[in-house]
């Protein structure tokens, strides 16, 4: 590797807007995030599926709500 062209790799403190702090290694000494795994709805289980187009109901009507029923057109 060439000398003096690579950034220094050291301790890094990552801070989220929710107040969560993670210490890791990186090329920057500090990072600030808007959202992390501690406050993201997908990881916390607070995410809700919103079906505005009615696709789920259309699928259930067409295919019999998961049961083996003959297709009606």
Protein backbone atom coordinates (compact mmCIF):
# COMPACT_ATOMS: atom_id res chain seq x y z
CA UNK A 1 0.00 0.00 0.00
CA UNK A 2 1.16 3.53 -0.65
CA UNK A 3 2.01 5.55 2.41
CA UNK A 4 0.18 8.72 3.47
CA UNK A 5 -2.77 8.43 1.05
CA UNK A 6 -5.14 6.43 3.27
CA UNK A 7 -7.31 8.05 5.96
CA UNK A 8 -6.60 7.21 9.59
CA UNK A 9 -8.80 4.42 10.93
CA UNK A 10 -9.65 4.92 14.58
CA UNK A 11 -12.37 5.18 17.20
CA UNK A 12 -15.69 6.66 16.04
CA UNK A 13 -18.68 7.77 18.13
CA UNK A 14 -22.03 7.53 16.33
CA UNK A 15 -24.88 9.55 17.87
CA UNK A 16 -28.52 9.28 16.80
CA UNK A 17 -31.18 11.98 17.11
CA UNK A 18 -32.98 9.76 19.66
CA UNK A 19 -29.95 9.90 21.94
CA UNK A 20 -28.54 6.45 21.26
CA UNK A 21 -24.71 6.35 21.17
CA UNK A 22 -22.64 3.61 19.52
CA UNK A 23 -18.87 3.41 19.70
CA UNK A 24 -17.17 1.72 16.75
CA UNK A 25 -14.25 2.24 14.40
CA UNK A 26 -14.19 4.42 11.31
CA UNK A 27 -12.37 7.15 9.45
CA UNK A 28 -14.37 9.97 11.07
CA UNK A 29 -14.12 10.68 14.82
CA UNK A 30 -17.85 11.51 15.20
CA UNK A 31 -21.02 10.88 13.17
CA UNK A 32 -24.57 12.15 13.74
CA UNK A 33 -27.57 10.16 12.43
CA UNK A 34 -31.22 11.05 12.03
CA UNK A 35 -32.48 7.52 12.67
CA UNK A 36 -30.90 4.31 13.96
CA UNK A 37 -31.93 0.71 14.61
CA UNK A 38 -33.08 1.66 18.13
CA UNK A 39 -35.70 4.14 16.86
CA UNK A 40 -36.48 2.97 13.29
CA UNK A 41 -40.07 1.67 13.01
CA UNK A 42 -39.02 -1.43 11.06
CA UNK A 43 -36.64 -2.64 13.76
CA UNK A 44 -38.82 -1.65 16.72
CA UNK A 45 -41.94 -3.41 15.36
CA UNK A 46 -44.01 -0.23 15.27
CA UNK A 47 -44.24 -0.16 11.47
CA UNK A 48 -47.77 -0.53 10.14
CA UNK A 49 -48.62 -1.80 6.69
CA UNK A 50 -50.97 0.58 4.94
CA UNK A 51 -52.85 -0.77 1.96
CA UNK A 52 -54.40 2.25 0.31
CA UNK A 53 -55.08 0.61 -3.05
CA UNK A 54 -56.92 -2.43 -1.64
CA UNK A 55 -54.40 -4.87 -3.09
CA UNK A 56 -54.58 -7.27 -0.14
CA UNK A 57 -58.37 -7.50 -0.24
CA UNK A 58 -58.29 -7.94 -4.02
CA UNK A 59 -55.79 -10.78 -3.66
CA UNK A 60 -57.87 -12.45 -0.94
CA UNK A 61 -61.06 -12.18 -3.01
CA UNK A 62 -59.36 -13.58 -6.08
CA UNK A 63 -57.58 -16.47 -4.40
CA UNK A 64 -60.04 -17.34 -1.63
CA UNK A 65 -58.25 -15.94 1.44
CA UNK A 66 -55.50 -18.55 1.32
CA UNK A 67 -57.81 -21.57 1.07
CA UNK A 68 -57.87 -24.00 -1.84
CA UNK A 69 -61.07 -22.81 -3.51
CA UNK A 70 -61.75 -22.76 -7.25
CA UNK A 71 -61.02 -19.50 -8.98
CA UNK A 72 -64.12 -17.40 -9.76
CA UNK A 73 -63.91 -14.78 -12.43
